[in-house]
Amino acid sequence: MSIVKLNNRGVKNATAFGSITGLGSMVFIKKLTASSSATLSFVDGSDGVVLDDTYKEYVFTFKNIHPSADNNFFAFNMSTDGGSNYNVSKTSTTFDAYHQENGSDSGLRYNGDNDLANGTGVQKLNYNMGGENDASLNGTLTIFNPSSSVFVKHFMSSVNFQYLNTYSIQNHIAGYGNTQSPIDAIQFSMGSGNIDAGDICLYGIA
């Protein structure tokens, strides 16, 4: 194996650098802002939302998602009929890392409590979320090739949230919607009460 060393002189004398190709850009599609909202729904073809074969990858970003009730969870579900029903069967797996504010407890673990085994209910993206005024959730959810009529619909989520006001928890969930039908709507909700505040933005990966 050969080792290439790069020093300041080498960089200074360089006249050209190669470009990285194949990386798609994020194209902003739609922003929804919660205000004591029971649900926030992104439906293809409705109010400027694109969720079809225009892109093969879609990313939702969550900014300061705040629940109206303590000890809560944030979740999503998928639809194949334009949002008439959000009941796509999903199989998923979860792990998280956690650290208590006072430093007395931390760890990394598989957390099967949020897993679905071909279940049609909502997919939890976190759990036991604090409801104090300064508590919130931030992160992303990626859906791959939702318009495919051949493959199941894979998704991955990574969020950080305040657990009952004493822990920072990084929660990772991945799985798939077990359907060959195109996914044309995604809905977000809380386990109880409303999404009190926060922004959800949808992007397509070109």
N, C-alpha and C. Protein backbone atom coordinates (compact mmCIF):
# COMPACT_ATOMS: atom_id res chain seq x y z
N MET A 1 0.84 -1.19 0.00
CA MET A 1 0.00 0.00 0.00
C MET A 1 0.87 1.24 0.00
N SER A 2 0.59 2.17 -0.90
CA SER A 2 1.34 3.42 -0.94
C SER A 2 0.62 4.49 -0.15
N ILE A 3 1.40 5.35 0.49
CA ILE A 3 0.85 6.43 1.29
C ILE A 3 1.19 7.75 0.63
N VAL A 4 0.18 8.56 0.38
CA VAL A 4 0.38 9.87 -0.24
C VAL A 4 0.33 10.93 0.84
N LYS A 5 1.37 11.72 0.94
CA LYS A 5 1.41 12.79 1.91
C LYS A 5 1.06 14.12 1.25
N LEU A 6 0.22 14.88 1.93
CA LEU A 6 -0.18 16.18 1.42
C LEU A 6 0.20 17.22 2.46
N ASN A 7 1.09 18.14 2.08
CA ASN A 7 1.50 19.17 3.02
C ASN A 7 1.10 20.54 2.50
N ASN A 8 1.38 21.57 3.28
CA ASN A 8 0.99 22.92 2.89
C ASN A 8 1.60 23.35 1.56
N ARG A 9 2.86 22.93 1.34
CA ARG A 9 3.55 23.32 0.10
C ARG A 9 2.86 22.69 -1.11
N GLY A 10 2.45 21.42 -0.93
CA GLY A 10 1.78 20.73 -2.03
C GLY A 10 0.47 21.40 -2.39
N VAL A 11 -0.30 21.79 -1.39
CA VAL A 11 -1.57 22.47 -1.66
C VAL A 11 -1.34 23.82 -2.30
N LYS A 12 -0.31 24.55 -1.81
CA LYS A 12 -0.01 25.88 -2.34
C LYS A 12 0.34 25.84 -3.81
N ASN A 13 1.07 24.80 -4.22
CA ASN A 13 1.55 24.72 -5.60
C ASN A 13 0.55 24.07 -6.56
N ALA A 14 -0.55 23.57 -6.02
CA ALA A 14 -1.55 22.92 -6.88
C ALA A 14 -2.20 23.95 -7.79
N THR A 15 -2.43 23.58 -9.02
CA THR A 15 -3.05 24.51 -9.99
C THR A 15 -4.49 24.14 -10.31
N ALA A 16 -4.89 22.90 -10.00
CA ALA A 16 -6.26 22.49 -10.30
C ALA A 16 -6.66 21.34 -9.39
N PHE A 17 -7.91 21.27 -9.07
CA PHE A 17 -8.46 20.18 -8.27
C PHE A 17 -9.61 19.53 -9.04
N GLY A 18 -9.71 18.24 -8.93
CA GLY A 18 -10.81 17.53 -9.57
C GLY A 18 -12.13 17.84 -8.88
N SER A 19 -13.21 17.71 -9.61
CA SER A 19 -14.53 17.94 -9.04
C SER A 19 -15.17 16.62 -8.65
N ILE A 20 -16.06 16.67 -7.67
CA ILE A 20 -16.79 15.49 -7.23
C ILE A 20 -18.12 15.46 -7.96
N THR A 21 -18.38 14.39 -8.68
CA THR A 21 -19.61 14.29 -9.45
C THR A 21 -20.53 13.25 -8.82
N GLY A 22 -21.80 13.30 -9.20
CA GLY A 22 -22.74 12.30 -8.74
C GLY A 22 -23.46 12.66 -7.46
N LEU A 23 -23.15 13.82 -6.88
CA LEU A 23 -23.83 14.24 -5.66
C LEU A 23 -24.99 15.16 -6.03
N GLY A 24 -26.21 14.77 -5.66
CA GLY A 24 -27.37 15.56 -6.01
C GLY A 24 -27.55 16.74 -5.08
N SER A 25 -28.19 17.78 -5.58
CA SER A 25 -28.47 18.96 -4.77
C SER A 25 -29.85 18.83 -4.14
N MET A 26 -30.03 19.51 -3.00
CA MET A 26 -31.32 19.52 -2.32
C MET A 26 -32.18 20.63 -2.92
N VAL A 27 -33.37 20.28 -3.35
CA VAL A 27 -34.29 21.24 -3.95
C VAL A 27 -35.46 21.44 -2.98
N PHE A 28 -35.61 22.67 -2.49
CA PHE A 28 -36.70 22.95 -1.55
C PHE A 28 -38.05 22.81 -2.24
N ILE A 29 -38.98 22.14 -1.55
CA ILE A 29 -40.32 21.93 -2.10
C ILE A 29 -41.40 22.63 -1.29
N LYS A 30 -41.45 22.37 0.02
CA LYS A 30 -42.56 22.87 0.81
C LYS A 30 -42.19 22.97 2.29
N LYS A 31 -42.69 24.01 2.95
CA LYS A 31 -42.51 24.19 4.39
C LYS A 31 -43.89 24.27 5.06
N LEU A 32 -44.09 23.49 6.12
CA LEU A 32 -45.29 23.57 6.94
C LEU A 32 -44.89 23.96 8.36
N THR A 33 -45.60 24.93 8.91
CA THR A 33 -45.33 25.41 10.27
C THR A 33 -46.48 25.02 11.18
N ALA A 34 -46.17 24.35 12.26
CA ALA A 34 -47.20 23.91 13.21
C ALA A 34 -47.63 25.06 14.10
N SER A 35 -48.92 25.09 14.40
CA SER A 35 -49.49 26.03 15.36
C SER A 35 -50.66 25.33 16.02
N SER A 36 -50.35 24.56 17.07
CA SER A 36 -51.35 23.71 17.72
C SER A 36 -52.04 22.82 16.69
N SER A 37 -51.24 22.17 15.85
CA SER A 37 -51.74 21.38 14.73
C SER A 37 -51.87 19.91 15.12
N ALA A 38 -53.04 19.33 14.86
CA ALA A 38 -53.23 17.91 15.13
C ALA A 38 -52.34 17.06 14.24
N THR A 39 -52.22 17.45 12.97
CA THR A 39 -51.36 16.77 12.01
C THR A 39 -50.77 17.78 11.04
N LEU A 40 -49.66 17.41 10.42
CA LEU A 40 -49.09 18.14 9.29
C LEU A 40 -48.90 17.13 8.17
N SER A 41 -49.54 17.39 7.02
CA SER A 41 -49.56 16.40 5.94
C SER A 41 -48.97 16.98 4.65
N PHE A 42 -48.13 16.17 4.00
CA PHE A 42 -47.56 16.51 2.70
C PHE A 42 -48.18 15.55 1.68
N VAL A 43 -49.07 16.08 0.84
CA VAL A 43 -49.80 15.28 -0.13
C VAL A 43 -49.38 15.69 -1.53
N ASP A 44 -48.93 14.73 -2.31
CA ASP A 44 -48.47 15.02 -3.67
C ASP A 44 -49.57 15.72 -4.47
N GLY A 45 -49.19 16.82 -5.14
CA GLY A 45 -50.13 17.56 -5.98
C GLY A 45 -51.02 18.52 -5.24
N SER A 46 -50.87 18.61 -3.92
CA SER A 46 -51.70 19.51 -3.12
C SER A 46 -50.87 20.65 -2.57
N ASP A 47 -51.27 21.87 -2.84
CA ASP A 47 -50.65 23.06 -2.27
C ASP A 47 -49.15 23.12 -2.54
N GLY A 48 -48.77 22.77 -3.75
CA GLY A 48 -47.36 22.87 -4.15
C GLY A 48 -46.47 21.73 -3.73
N VAL A 49 -47.02 20.68 -3.15
CA VAL A 49 -46.22 19.54 -2.70
C VAL A 49 -45.91 18.61 -3.88
N VAL A 50 -44.65 18.22 -3.99
CA VAL A 50 -44.22 17.22 -4.97
C VAL A 50 -43.72 16.01 -4.21
N LEU A 51 -44.33 14.86 -4.45
CA LEU A 51 -43.91 13.61 -3.82
C LEU A 51 -44.18 12.48 -4.82
N ASP A 52 -43.48 12.55 -5.95
CA ASP A 52 -43.71 11.60 -7.03
C ASP A 52 -42.37 11.19 -7.64
N ASP A 53 -42.38 10.79 -8.91
CA ASP A 53 -41.14 10.33 -9.53
C ASP A 53 -40.24 11.46 -10.02
N THR A 54 -40.57 12.71 -9.65
CA THR A 54 -39.67 13.83 -9.95
C THR A 54 -38.31 13.60 -9.31
N TYR A 55 -38.32 13.07 -8.07
CA TYR A 55 -37.09 12.76 -7.35
C TYR A 55 -37.16 11.33 -6.84
N LYS A 56 -36.02 10.70 -6.70
CA LYS A 56 -35.98 9.34 -6.15
C LYS A 56 -35.64 9.34 -4.66
N GLU A 57 -35.38 10.53 -4.11
CA GLU A 57 -35.08 10.64 -2.68
C GLU A 57 -35.70 11.94 -2.17
N TYR A 58 -36.40 11.85 -1.05
CA TYR A 58 -37.02 13.01 -0.43
C TYR A 58 -36.58 13.10 1.03
N VAL A 59 -36.29 14.32 1.47
CA VAL A 59 -35.81 14.54 2.83
C VAL A 59 -36.74 15.54 3.53
N PHE A 60 -37.22 15.16 4.72
CA PHE A 60 -37.95 16.06 5.59
C PHE A 60 -37.01 16.53 6.70
N THR A 61 -37.00 17.82 6.98
CA THR A 61 -36.22 18.34 8.10
C THR A 61 -37.17 18.84 9.18
N PHE A 62 -36.81 18.58 10.43
CA PHE A 62 -37.62 18.99 11.57
C PHE A 62 -36.85 20.04 12.37
N LYS A 63 -37.50 21.16 12.63
CA LYS A 63 -36.85 22.24 13.37
C LYS A 63 -37.71 22.65 14.55
N ASN A 64 -37.19 22.42 15.75
CA ASN A 64 -37.84 22.82 17.01
C ASN A 64 -39.29 22.34 17.08
N ILE A 65 -39.48 21.05 16.85
CA ILE A 65 -40.81 20.44 16.99
C ILE A 65 -41.14 20.34 18.47
N HIS A 66 -42.22 20.98 18.87
CA HIS A 66 -42.58 21.07 20.29
C HIS A 66 -43.97 20.48 20.51
N PRO A 67 -44.13 19.58 21.48
CA PRO A 67 -45.44 18.98 21.74
C PRO A 67 -46.29 19.83 22.68
N SER A 68 -47.58 19.60 22.63
CA SER A 68 -48.48 20.31 23.54
C SER A 68 -48.61 19.58 24.88
N ALA A 69 -48.12 18.34 24.94
CA ALA A 69 -48.23 17.54 26.16
C ALA A 69 -46.89 16.90 26.49
N ASP A 70 -46.64 16.71 27.76
CA ASP A 70 -45.40 16.10 28.24
C ASP A 70 -45.42 14.59 28.00
N ASN A 71 -44.23 13.96 28.07
CA ASN A 71 -44.09 12.51 27.95
C ASN A 71 -44.72 12.01 26.65
N ASN A 72 -44.27 12.57 25.53
CA ASN A 72 -44.93 12.39 24.24
C ASN A 72 -44.00 11.76 23.23
N PHE A 73 -44.51 11.54 22.01
CA PHE A 73 -43.66 11.11 20.90
C PHE A 73 -44.14 11.75 19.60
N PHE A 74 -43.19 11.91 18.67
CA PHE A 74 -43.43 12.46 17.33
C PHE A 74 -43.39 11.30 16.36
N ALA A 75 -44.30 11.29 15.37
CA ALA A 75 -44.43 10.11 14.52
C ALA A 75 -44.85 10.49 13.11
N PHE A 76 -44.76 9.51 12.20
CA PHE A 76 -45.25 9.72 10.84
C PHE A 76 -45.93 8.45 10.34
N ASN A 77 -46.72 8.62 9.27
CA ASN A 77 -47.31 7.48 8.57
C ASN A 77 -47.37 7.81 7.09
N MET A 78 -47.61 6.80 6.28
CA MET A 78 -47.58 6.94 4.84
C MET A 78 -48.91 6.53 4.22
N SER A 79 -49.19 7.10 3.05
CA SER A 79 -50.44 6.82 2.35
C SER A 79 -50.16 6.47 0.90
N THR A 80 -51.00 5.59 0.35
CA THR A 80 -50.92 5.24 -1.08
C THR A 80 -52.15 5.73 -1.84
N ASP A 81 -53.04 6.47 -1.16
CA ASP A 81 -54.28 6.91 -1.81
C ASP A 81 -54.53 8.40 -1.63
N GLY A 82 -53.46 9.19 -1.72
CA GLY A 82 -53.60 10.63 -1.66
C GLY A 82 -54.00 11.16 -0.31
N GLY A 83 -53.72 10.42 0.74
CA GLY A 83 -54.01 10.89 2.09
C GLY A 83 -55.38 10.51 2.61
N SER A 84 -56.14 9.73 1.87
CA SER A 84 -57.43 9.26 2.39
C SER A 84 -57.23 8.32 3.57
N ASN A 85 -56.18 7.51 3.50
CA ASN A 85 -55.84 6.60 4.59
C ASN A 85 -54.32 6.61 4.79
N TYR A 86 -53.92 6.68 6.05
CA TYR A 86 -52.50 6.58 6.40
C TYR A 86 -52.32 5.27 7.16
N ASN A 87 -52.10 4.19 6.42
CA ASN A 87 -52.09 2.87 7.04
C ASN A 87 -51.16 1.88 6.33
N VAL A 88 -50.07 2.36 5.78
CA VAL A 88 -49.11 1.48 5.10
C VAL A 88 -48.39 0.62 6.14
N SER A 89 -48.29 -0.67 5.87
CA SER A 89 -47.56 -1.58 6.76
C SER A 89 -46.08 -1.25 6.74
N LYS A 90 -45.47 -1.20 7.93
CA LYS A 90 -44.06 -0.81 8.05
C LYS A 90 -43.32 -1.79 8.95
N THR A 91 -42.08 -2.08 8.58
CA THR A 91 -41.17 -2.87 9.41
C THR A 91 -39.95 -2.01 9.68
N SER A 92 -39.52 -1.94 10.94
CA SER A 92 -38.47 -0.98 11.30
C SER A 92 -37.60 -1.50 12.43
N THR A 93 -36.47 -0.81 12.62
CA THR A 93 -35.55 -1.12 13.70
C THR A 93 -34.97 0.17 14.25
N THR A 94 -34.60 0.16 15.54
CA THR A 94 -34.25 1.40 16.25
C THR A 94 -33.03 1.21 17.15
N PHE A 95 -32.15 2.23 17.17
CA PHE A 95 -31.14 2.30 18.22
C PHE A 95 -30.97 3.75 18.63
N ASP A 96 -30.45 3.97 19.84
CA ASP A 96 -30.27 5.34 20.31
C ASP A 96 -29.04 5.47 21.19
N ALA A 97 -28.59 6.72 21.32
CA ALA A 97 -27.52 7.08 22.25
C ALA A 97 -28.09 8.15 23.18
N TYR A 98 -27.75 8.07 24.47
CA TYR A 98 -28.34 8.99 25.44
C TYR A 98 -27.31 9.46 26.46
N HIS A 99 -27.56 10.65 27.01
CA HIS A 99 -26.66 11.24 28.01
C HIS A 99 -27.48 12.15 28.91
N GLN A 100 -27.41 11.92 30.21
CA GLN A 100 -28.16 12.73 31.16
C GLN A 100 -27.47 14.07 31.40
N GLU A 101 -28.28 15.09 31.70
CA GLU A 101 -27.75 16.44 31.88
C GLU A 101 -26.67 16.51 32.96
N ASN A 102 -26.84 15.79 34.05
CA ASN A 102 -25.87 15.85 35.14
C ASN A 102 -24.67 14.92 34.92
N GLY A 103 -24.64 14.21 33.78
CA GLY A 103 -23.52 13.36 33.45
C GLY A 103 -23.50 12.02 34.14
N SER A 104 -24.54 11.69 34.89
CA SER A 104 -24.53 10.46 35.68
C SER A 104 -24.94 9.22 34.91
N ASP A 105 -25.46 9.37 33.70
CA ASP A 105 -25.94 8.22 32.95
C ASP A 105 -25.77 8.47 31.46
N SER A 106 -25.28 7.46 30.74
CA SER A 106 -25.14 7.55 29.30
C SER A 106 -25.04 6.15 28.73
N GLY A 107 -25.28 6.03 27.43
CA GLY A 107 -25.18 4.71 26.82
C GLY A 107 -25.58 4.69 25.37
N LEU A 108 -25.39 3.52 24.76
CA LEU A 108 -25.77 3.26 23.37
C LEU A 108 -26.47 1.92 23.37
N ARG A 109 -27.65 1.84 22.74
CA ARG A 109 -28.43 0.61 22.86
C ARG A 109 -29.35 0.39 21.66
N TYR A 110 -29.69 -0.89 21.44
CA TYR A 110 -30.81 -1.22 20.58
C TYR A 110 -32.08 -1.01 21.38
N ASN A 111 -33.07 -0.33 20.79
CA ASN A 111 -34.30 -0.01 21.50
C ASN A 111 -35.48 -0.52 20.70
N GLY A 112 -35.90 -1.74 20.98
CA GLY A 112 -36.96 -2.37 20.21
C GLY A 112 -38.35 -1.86 20.52
N ASP A 113 -38.49 -1.00 21.53
CA ASP A 113 -39.82 -0.52 21.91
C ASP A 113 -40.50 0.28 20.79
N ASN A 114 -39.70 0.89 19.90
CA ASN A 114 -40.27 1.71 18.84
C ASN A 114 -40.34 0.98 17.50
N ASP A 115 -39.92 -0.27 17.47
CA ASP A 115 -39.93 -1.04 16.24
C ASP A 115 -41.36 -1.42 15.83
N LEU A 116 -41.56 -1.53 14.53
CA LEU A 116 -42.80 -2.07 13.99
C LEU A 116 -42.49 -3.37 13.27
N ALA A 117 -43.39 -4.34 13.39
CA ALA A 117 -43.26 -5.63 12.70
C ALA A 117 -44.43 -5.76 11.73
N ASN A 118 -44.28 -5.12 10.57
CA ASN A 118 -45.33 -5.08 9.55
C ASN A 118 -46.61 -4.48 10.12
N GLY A 119 -46.45 -3.42 10.92
CA GLY A 119 -47.58 -2.76 11.54
C GLY A 119 -48.05 -1.57 10.73
N THR A 120 -49.35 -1.30 10.77
CA THR A 120 -49.94 -0.22 10.00
C THR A 120 -50.06 1.08 10.79
N GLY A 121 -49.74 1.05 12.08
CA GLY A 121 -49.83 2.25 12.89
C GLY A 121 -48.72 3.24 12.58
N VAL A 122 -48.71 4.36 13.30
CA VAL A 122 -47.68 5.37 13.07
C VAL A 122 -46.30 4.82 13.46
N GLN A 123 -45.29 5.33 12.78
CA GLN A 123 -43.91 5.02 13.14
C GLN A 123 -43.39 6.10 14.07
N LYS A 124 -43.09 5.73 15.32
CA LYS A 124 -42.54 6.69 16.27
C LYS A 124 -41.12 7.08 15.84
N LEU A 125 -40.82 8.37 15.93
CA LEU A 125 -39.46 8.85 15.66
C LEU A 125 -38.70 9.15 16.94
N ASN A 126 -39.41 9.20 18.07
CA ASN A 126 -38.78 9.36 19.38
C ASN A 126 -39.74 8.85 20.45
N TYR A 127 -39.46 9.14 21.71
CA TYR A 127 -40.29 8.62 22.80
C TYR A 127 -40.08 9.47 24.05
N ASN A 128 -41.08 9.48 24.93
CA ASN A 128 -40.98 10.16 26.24
C ASN A 128 -40.37 11.55 26.12
N MET A 129 -40.86 12.31 25.17
CA MET A 129 -40.34 13.65 24.90
C MET A 129 -40.85 14.64 25.93
N GLY A 130 -39.95 15.51 26.39
CA GLY A 130 -40.33 16.54 27.34
C GLY A 130 -41.24 17.58 26.72
N GLY A 131 -42.14 18.14 27.53
CA GLY A 131 -43.08 19.13 27.04
C GLY A 131 -42.87 20.51 27.60
N GLU A 132 -41.78 20.73 28.33
CA GLU A 132 -41.52 22.07 28.87
C GLU A 132 -41.29 23.06 27.73
N ASN A 133 -41.37 24.34 28.05
CA ASN A 133 -41.32 25.37 27.01
C ASN A 133 -40.05 25.32 26.17
N ASP A 134 -38.93 24.89 26.76
CA ASP A 134 -37.68 24.88 26.01
C ASP A 134 -37.37 23.52 25.39
N ALA A 135 -38.26 22.57 25.49
CA ALA A 135 -38.04 21.23 24.95
C ALA A 135 -38.44 21.17 23.48
N SER A 136 -37.66 20.44 22.67
CA SER A 136 -38.01 20.31 21.26
C SER A 136 -37.29 19.11 20.65
N LEU A 137 -37.65 18.82 19.40
CA LEU A 137 -37.03 17.77 18.60
C LEU A 137 -36.53 18.38 17.31
N ASN A 138 -35.34 17.94 16.86
CA ASN A 138 -34.78 18.37 15.58
C ASN A 138 -34.17 17.17 14.88
N GLY A 139 -34.23 17.17 13.55
CA GLY A 139 -33.63 16.06 12.83
C GLY A 139 -34.15 15.94 11.42
N THR A 140 -34.07 14.71 10.87
CA THR A 140 -34.43 14.46 9.48
C THR A 140 -35.13 13.12 9.32
N LEU A 141 -35.89 13.01 8.24
CA LEU A 141 -36.46 11.75 7.78
C LEU A 141 -36.25 11.69 6.27
N THR A 142 -35.67 10.60 5.79
CA THR A 142 -35.44 10.41 4.36
C THR A 142 -36.28 9.25 3.85
N ILE A 143 -37.01 9.49 2.74
CA ILE A 143 -37.80 8.46 2.08
C ILE A 143 -37.17 8.21 0.71
N PHE A 144 -36.91 6.93 0.40
CA PHE A 144 -36.24 6.58 -0.85
C PHE A 144 -37.23 6.05 -1.88
N ASN A 145 -37.19 6.67 -3.05
CA ASN A 145 -37.95 6.23 -4.22
C ASN A 145 -39.42 5.90 -3.88
N PRO A 146 -40.15 6.85 -3.30
CA PRO A 146 -41.52 6.56 -2.86
C PRO A 146 -42.48 6.25 -4.01
N SER A 147 -42.16 6.67 -5.24
CA SER A 147 -43.09 6.45 -6.35
C SER A 147 -42.89 5.11 -7.05
N SER A 148 -41.95 4.31 -6.58
CA SER A 148 -41.69 3.02 -7.21
C SER A 148 -42.94 2.13 -7.14
N SER A 149 -43.20 1.41 -8.22
CA SER A 149 -44.27 0.43 -8.23
C SER A 149 -43.71 -0.99 -8.20
N VAL A 150 -42.41 -1.10 -7.87
CA VAL A 150 -41.73 -2.39 -7.84
C VAL A 150 -41.23 -2.72 -6.44
N PHE A 151 -40.55 -1.74 -5.78
CA PHE A 151 -39.85 -2.01 -4.54
C PHE A 151 -40.62 -1.50 -3.32
N VAL A 152 -40.28 -2.07 -2.14
CA VAL A 152 -40.77 -1.51 -0.89
C VAL A 152 -40.15 -0.14 -0.69
N LYS A 153 -40.67 0.66 0.24
CA LYS A 153 -40.29 2.06 0.37
C LYS A 153 -39.44 2.27 1.63
N HIS A 154 -38.13 2.29 1.45
CA HIS A 154 -37.22 2.42 2.58
C HIS A 154 -37.20 3.84 3.15
N PHE A 155 -37.00 3.94 4.45
CA PHE A 155 -36.89 5.23 5.12
C PHE A 155 -35.84 5.15 6.21
N MET A 156 -35.23 6.30 6.52
CA MET A 156 -34.27 6.42 7.62
C MET A 156 -34.50 7.74 8.32
N SER A 157 -34.43 7.73 9.66
CA SER A 157 -34.61 8.95 10.43
C SER A 157 -33.54 9.07 11.49
N SER A 158 -33.09 10.30 11.72
CA SER A 158 -32.17 10.61 12.81
C SER A 158 -32.66 11.89 13.48
N VAL A 159 -33.01 11.80 14.77
CA VAL A 159 -33.49 12.98 15.49
C VAL A 159 -32.79 13.08 16.83
N ASN A 160 -32.69 14.30 17.31
CA ASN A 160 -32.21 14.56 18.67
C ASN A 160 -33.32 15.27 19.42
N PHE A 161 -33.57 14.84 20.66
CA PHE A 161 -34.66 15.43 21.42
C PHE A 161 -34.34 15.43 22.91
N GLN A 162 -35.11 16.20 23.64
CA GLN A 162 -34.96 16.29 25.10
C GLN A 162 -35.92 15.30 25.74
N TYR A 163 -35.36 14.32 26.41
CA TYR A 163 -36.13 13.26 27.04
C TYR A 163 -36.56 13.69 28.44
N LEU A 164 -37.85 13.92 28.63
CA LEU A 164 -38.41 14.30 29.93
C LEU A 164 -37.53 15.32 30.65
N ASN A 165 -36.93 16.22 29.85
CA ASN A 165 -36.21 17.40 30.36
C ASN A 165 -34.92 17.10 31.10
N THR A 166 -34.43 15.85 31.05
CA THR A 166 -33.19 15.54 31.76
C THR A 166 -32.15 14.84 30.90
N TYR A 167 -32.49 14.40 29.70
CA TYR A 167 -31.55 13.67 28.85
C TYR A 167 -31.53 14.29 27.44
N SER A 168 -30.38 14.22 26.80
CA SER A 168 -30.29 14.41 25.35
C SER A 168 -30.22 13.02 24.73
N ILE A 169 -31.13 12.75 23.78
CA ILE A 169 -31.17 11.43 23.14
C ILE A 169 -31.12 11.60 21.63
N GLN A 170 -30.20 10.86 21.00
CA GLN A 170 -30.10 10.78 19.55
C GLN A 170 -30.73 9.46 19.14
N ASN A 171 -31.85 9.53 18.43
CA ASN A 171 -32.61 8.33 18.08
C ASN A 171 -32.53 8.07 16.59
N HIS A 172 -32.21 6.83 16.23
CA HIS A 172 -32.06 6.43 14.83
C HIS A 172 -33.05 5.31 14.51
N ILE A 173 -33.85 5.53 13.48
CA ILE A 173 -34.85 4.54 13.07
C ILE A 173 -34.72 4.34 11.57
N ALA A 174 -34.80 3.09 11.14
CA ALA A 174 -34.79 2.77 9.72
C ALA A 174 -35.75 1.62 9.47
N GLY A 175 -36.29 1.58 8.26
CA GLY A 175 -37.21 0.50 7.93
C GLY A 175 -37.74 0.67 6.52
N TYR A 176 -38.88 0.04 6.27
CA TYR A 176 -39.49 0.18 4.96
C TYR A 176 -41.01 0.06 5.06
N GLY A 177 -41.67 0.81 4.17
CA GLY A 177 -43.10 0.61 3.97
C GLY A 177 -43.28 -0.60 3.08
N ASN A 178 -44.00 -1.58 3.58
CA ASN A 178 -44.09 -2.87 2.89
C ASN A 178 -45.20 -2.85 1.84
N THR A 179 -44.98 -2.07 0.81
CA THR A 179 -45.95 -1.96 -0.27
C THR A 179 -45.23 -1.68 -1.58
N GLN A 180 -45.78 -2.24 -2.67
CA GLN A 180 -45.28 -1.92 -4.00
C GLN A 180 -46.01 -0.72 -4.59
N SER A 181 -47.10 -0.31 -3.97
CA SER A 181 -47.85 0.85 -4.45
C SER A 181 -47.08 2.13 -4.16
N PRO A 182 -47.13 3.11 -5.04
CA PRO A 182 -46.43 4.39 -4.80
C PRO A 182 -46.96 5.08 -3.54
N ILE A 183 -46.05 5.64 -2.77
CA ILE A 183 -46.40 6.48 -1.62
C ILE A 183 -46.59 7.90 -2.15
N ASP A 184 -47.76 8.49 -1.88
CA ASP A 184 -48.03 9.83 -2.40
C ASP A 184 -48.43 10.83 -1.31
N ALA A 185 -48.30 10.43 -0.04
CA ALA A 185 -48.59 11.36 1.05
C ALA A 185 -47.90 10.87 2.33
N ILE A 186 -47.39 11.84 3.10
CA ILE A 186 -46.76 11.57 4.39
C ILE A 186 -47.41 12.48 5.43
N GLN A 187 -47.77 11.92 6.58
CA GLN A 187 -48.42 12.71 7.63
C GLN A 187 -47.64 12.59 8.94
N PHE A 188 -47.49 13.73 9.64
CA PHE A 188 -46.79 13.79 10.92
C PHE A 188 -47.78 14.14 12.03
N SER A 189 -47.54 13.59 13.21
CA SER A 189 -48.45 13.82 14.33
C SER A 189 -47.72 13.54 15.64
N MET A 190 -48.36 13.90 16.74
CA MET A 190 -47.89 13.57 18.08
C MET A 190 -48.68 12.37 18.62
N GLY A 191 -48.10 11.69 19.57
CA GLY A 191 -48.80 10.56 20.17
C GLY A 191 -50.05 10.99 20.90
N SER A 192 -49.99 12.16 21.54
CA SER A 192 -51.17 12.73 22.19
C SER A 192 -51.10 14.25 22.06
N GLY A 193 -52.26 14.88 22.00
CA GLY A 193 -52.29 16.33 21.85
C GLY A 193 -51.84 16.75 20.47
N ASN A 194 -51.38 17.99 20.36
CA ASN A 194 -51.03 18.60 19.09
C ASN A 194 -49.53 18.80 18.93
N ILE A 195 -49.12 19.08 17.67
CA ILE A 195 -47.79 19.62 17.42
C ILE A 195 -47.92 21.11 17.72
N ASP A 196 -47.44 21.51 18.88
CA ASP A 196 -47.68 22.87 19.36
C ASP A 196 -46.96 23.91 18.50
N ALA A 197 -45.73 23.60 18.07
CA ALA A 197 -44.94 24.54 17.27
C ALA A 197 -43.86 23.76 16.54
N GLY A 198 -43.22 24.44 15.56
CA GLY A 198 -42.12 23.84 14.83
C GLY A 198 -42.34 23.86 13.33
N ASP A 199 -41.25 23.68 12.59
CA ASP A 199 -41.29 23.69 11.12
C ASP A 199 -40.89 22.33 10.58
N ILE A 200 -41.58 21.90 9.53
CA ILE A 200 -41.18 20.73 8.76
C ILE A 200 -41.01 21.16 7.32
N CYS A 201 -39.83 20.91 6.76
CA CYS A 201 -39.54 21.28 5.37
C CYS A 201 -39.31 20.01 4.55
N LEU A 202 -39.78 20.03 3.32
CA LEU A 202 -39.62 18.91 2.40
C LEU A 202 -38.67 19.32 1.27
N TYR A 203 -37.69 18.46 0.98
CA TYR A 203 -36.73 18.69 -0.08
C TYR A 203 -36.69 17.46 -1.00
N GLY A 204 -36.45 17.68 -2.28
CA GLY A 204 -36.16 16.60 -3.20
C GLY A 204 -34.67 16.59 -3.51
N ILE A 205 -34.12 15.41 -3.68
CA ILE A 205 -32.70 15.28 -4.02
C ILE A 205 -32.58 15.08 -5.52
N ALA A 206 -32.02 16.09 -6.18
CA ALA A 206 -31.93 16.05 -7.64
C ALA A 206 -30.86 15.07 -8.09
